[in-house]
Protein backbone atom coordinates (compact mmCIF):
# COMPACT_ATOMS: atom_id res chain seq x y z
CA MET A 1 -10.20 -27.70 211.70
CA ALA A 2 -9.70 -28.23 215.04
CA MET A 3 -7.13 -30.33 216.39
CA PRO A 4 -7.74 -32.89 219.14
CA ALA A 5 -5.36 -33.36 222.75
CA ALA A 6 -4.81 -35.96 221.55
CA GLU A 7 -2.82 -35.59 218.50
CA ILE A 8 -0.88 -32.56 220.28
CA GLU A 9 0.15 -35.82 223.01
CA ARG A 10 0.96 -37.92 220.15
CA LEU A 11 3.00 -35.06 218.66
CA ILE A 12 5.09 -33.92 222.00
CA LEU A 13 5.48 -37.79 222.34
CA ALA A 14 7.45 -38.70 219.63
CA ALA A 15 9.40 -35.32 219.80
CA PHE A 16 9.66 -36.54 223.68
CA PRO A 17 8.83 -40.13 224.42
CA ASP A 18 9.89 -39.60 228.08
CA ALA A 19 7.56 -35.84 228.77
CA ARG A 20 4.88 -36.01 230.86
CA VAL A 21 2.44 -34.52 228.98
CA GLU A 22 -0.83 -32.72 230.50
CA ILE A 23 -3.18 -30.73 228.03
CA LYS A 24 -6.15 -28.66 228.65
CA ASP A 25 -8.97 -27.41 226.24
CA LEU A 26 -8.78 -24.65 227.81
CA ALA A 27 -12.22 -22.83 225.67
CA GLY A 28 -13.99 -26.50 224.59
CA ASP A 29 -12.99 -25.34 221.02
CA GLY A 30 -10.73 -27.57 220.40
CA ASP A 31 -8.06 -24.74 218.79
CA HIS A 32 -6.88 -23.16 222.76
CA TYR A 33 -5.22 -24.77 224.69
CA SER A 34 -2.44 -25.45 226.99
CA ALA A 35 0.55 -27.66 227.97
CA THR A 36 2.23 -28.49 230.80
CA VAL A 37 5.47 -30.68 229.17
CA VAL A 38 8.67 -31.69 231.13
CA SER A 39 11.20 -33.44 229.67
CA SER A 40 15.08 -34.23 230.65
CA ALA A 41 15.21 -33.35 227.26
CA PHE A 42 15.09 -29.89 228.66
CA ARG A 43 17.71 -29.51 230.99
CA GLY A 44 20.13 -27.01 230.65
CA LYS A 45 18.23 -24.57 228.09
CA SER A 46 16.41 -21.73 228.15
CA ARG A 47 12.52 -21.63 228.71
CA VAL A 48 12.53 -19.95 225.63
CA GLN A 49 14.46 -22.84 224.38
CA GLN A 50 12.44 -24.77 226.01
CA HIS A 51 9.20 -23.69 224.00
CA GLN A 52 10.61 -23.45 220.58
CA MET A 53 11.95 -27.25 220.86
CA VAL A 54 7.72 -28.46 221.77
CA TYR A 55 6.53 -26.09 219.12
CA GLY A 56 9.49 -27.52 216.30
CA ALA A 57 7.37 -31.45 217.30
CA LEU A 58 4.23 -29.87 217.00
CA LYS A 59 5.72 -29.84 212.65
CA GLY A 60 3.81 -26.21 212.17
CA GLN A 61 -0.27 -27.25 213.38
CA MET A 62 0.90 -23.52 214.83
CA GLY A 63 -1.61 -21.49 213.58
CA GLY A 64 -2.61 -23.35 211.31
CA ALA A 65 -5.28 -26.34 212.98
CA LEU A 66 -3.81 -25.28 216.54
CA HIS A 67 -5.11 -21.77 216.73
CA ALA A 68 -3.74 -20.51 220.34
CA LEU A 69 -1.33 -23.44 222.58
CA ALA A 70 -0.91 -21.57 226.00
CA LEU A 71 2.71 -23.80 226.65
CA GLN A 72 4.42 -24.04 230.70
CA THR A 73 7.45 -26.10 230.30
CA ALA A 74 10.27 -27.62 232.60
CA ALA A 75 13.00 -30.28 232.85
CA ALA A 76 12.66 -33.25 234.32
CA PRO A 77 14.75 -33.49 237.40
CA GLU A 78 17.63 -36.02 237.02
């Protein structure tokens, strides 16, 4: 079962209300997405920590309803 891009965005924004989120469906199948997430919550965090935070926001959907997510994160400027 595929996960709509809007649901991915909703979950990320629920965890990071100030985030700028851009989701792209890479294969047109609802299973392979890229996401760019920019949030002040990422300040002082390593890239790995930032990605872990986003995966946590997806509440266990990775590998299930969401098959693949190419993730780019950055801290929002102050």
